[in-house]
Structures are given as C-alpha cells and as structure tokens.
Protein backbone atom coordinates (compact mmCIF):
# COMPACT_ATOMS: atom_id res chain seq x y z
CA MET A 1 -3.46 110.16 -28.55
CA GLU A 2 -3.66 113.93 -28.10
CA GLN A 3 -6.80 113.53 -25.98
CA ASN A 4 -4.98 111.10 -23.65
CA LEU A 5 -2.04 113.49 -23.34
CA ASN A 6 -4.33 116.41 -22.55
CA GLN A 7 -6.18 114.34 -19.95
CA GLU A 8 -2.89 113.28 -18.38
CA ILE A 9 -1.76 116.91 -18.15
CA LEU A 10 -5.07 117.92 -16.53
CA ASP A 11 -4.86 115.00 -14.11
CA LYS A 12 -1.32 116.02 -13.14
CA LEU A 13 -2.46 119.58 -12.42
CA THR A 14 -5.68 118.63 -10.60
CA LYS A 15 -5.08 118.15 -6.87
CA VAL A 16 -7.20 115.52 -5.16
CA CYS A 17 -5.54 115.83 -1.75
CA LEU A 18 -5.04 119.54 -1.15
CA CYS A 19 -3.25 119.10 2.20
CA LYS A 20 -0.50 116.93 0.71
CA SER A 21 -0.73 118.33 -2.84
CA ILE A 22 -1.38 114.88 -4.35
CA SER A 23 -2.57 114.95 -7.93
CA LYS A 24 -5.36 113.05 -9.62
CA LEU A 25 -2.70 111.41 -11.81
CA THR A 26 -0.91 110.05 -8.73
CA ILE A 27 -4.18 108.59 -7.42
CA LYS A 28 -5.02 107.06 -10.81
CA LYS A 29 -1.55 105.49 -11.04
CA ALA A 30 -1.99 103.96 -7.58
CA ILE A 31 -5.32 102.47 -8.68
CA ASP A 32 -3.80 101.22 -11.94
CA GLY A 33 -0.96 99.76 -9.86
CA GLY A 34 -3.35 97.57 -7.91
CA ALA A 35 -4.83 99.70 -5.12
CA LYS A 36 -8.46 98.63 -4.90
CA THR A 37 -9.65 100.28 -1.69
CA LEU A 38 -9.51 103.71 -0.12
CA LYS A 39 -7.01 102.46 2.49
CA GLU A 40 -4.74 100.97 -0.20
CA VAL A 41 -4.75 104.22 -2.21
CA GLN A 42 -4.00 106.19 0.95
CA ALA A 43 -1.13 103.85 1.87
CA LYS A 44 0.43 104.10 -1.61
CA THR A 45 0.05 107.87 -2.02
CA GLY A 46 -0.12 109.44 1.43
CA ALA A 47 -3.47 110.99 0.58
CA GLY A 48 -5.70 111.53 3.58
CA SER A 49 -2.82 112.00 6.01
CA GLY A 50 -2.84 115.79 5.95
CA SER A 51 -4.33 118.30 8.33
CA CYS A 52 -7.94 117.58 7.33
CA CYS A 53 -7.48 113.82 7.87
CA GLY A 54 -9.02 112.98 4.50
CA ARG A 55 -12.28 114.89 4.89
CA ARG A 56 -11.77 116.68 1.57
CA CYS A 57 -10.07 114.01 -0.55
CA THR A 58 -11.84 110.82 0.59
CA PRO A 59 -14.98 111.39 -1.56
CA LYS A 60 -12.79 112.21 -4.57
CA ILE A 61 -10.69 109.07 -4.12
CA GLU A 62 -13.81 106.95 -3.69
CA ALA A 63 -15.21 108.41 -6.94
CA LEU A 64 -11.98 107.56 -8.79
CA LEU A 65 -12.08 104.01 -7.41
CA GLU A 66 -15.68 103.65 -8.56
CA GLU A 67 -14.80 105.08 -11.99
CA ALA A 68 -11.95 102.55 -12.33
CA LYS A 69 -14.35 99.66 -11.54
CA ASN A 70 -16.65 100.74 -14.36
CA ILE A 71 -13.95 100.81 -17.05
C-alpha cells in the first residue's frame, strides 16, 4: 500500500509533457481510462500540444502505453 502511494506521489510530480506541465499520473489515468493510442492520450490530456509539438513527450507517452500493454 505504501509503495503504491509513494509511486503515485512520484508520478504526480514527474512531468511527461514539460510544455503543458502534464504529469505522469495524468497520462497513466488517461491510459487506465481507455486511451490506447498516442493520439487518444493526447486528446484526453492535451499532451503534445505545447510549443515543442510533442517532440519531448511523445517517446515518454509511447513508453507508458507499451508498459500498460505488458501489465
């Protein structure tokens, strides 16, 4: 239980999309909520719509999607 809480806190503090300040927790919740593709995650969260146009966050989102498939 404590491990899950610690991971959730870290995920909330870890920014995946720096331009829009979108956390890893927000991305994970979008995936848990049914987003299965990069475009779906971006539509639900707004990630990738900042000044870099997703160049920095796209690989991170793709890795989280892949991680979710393997669970």
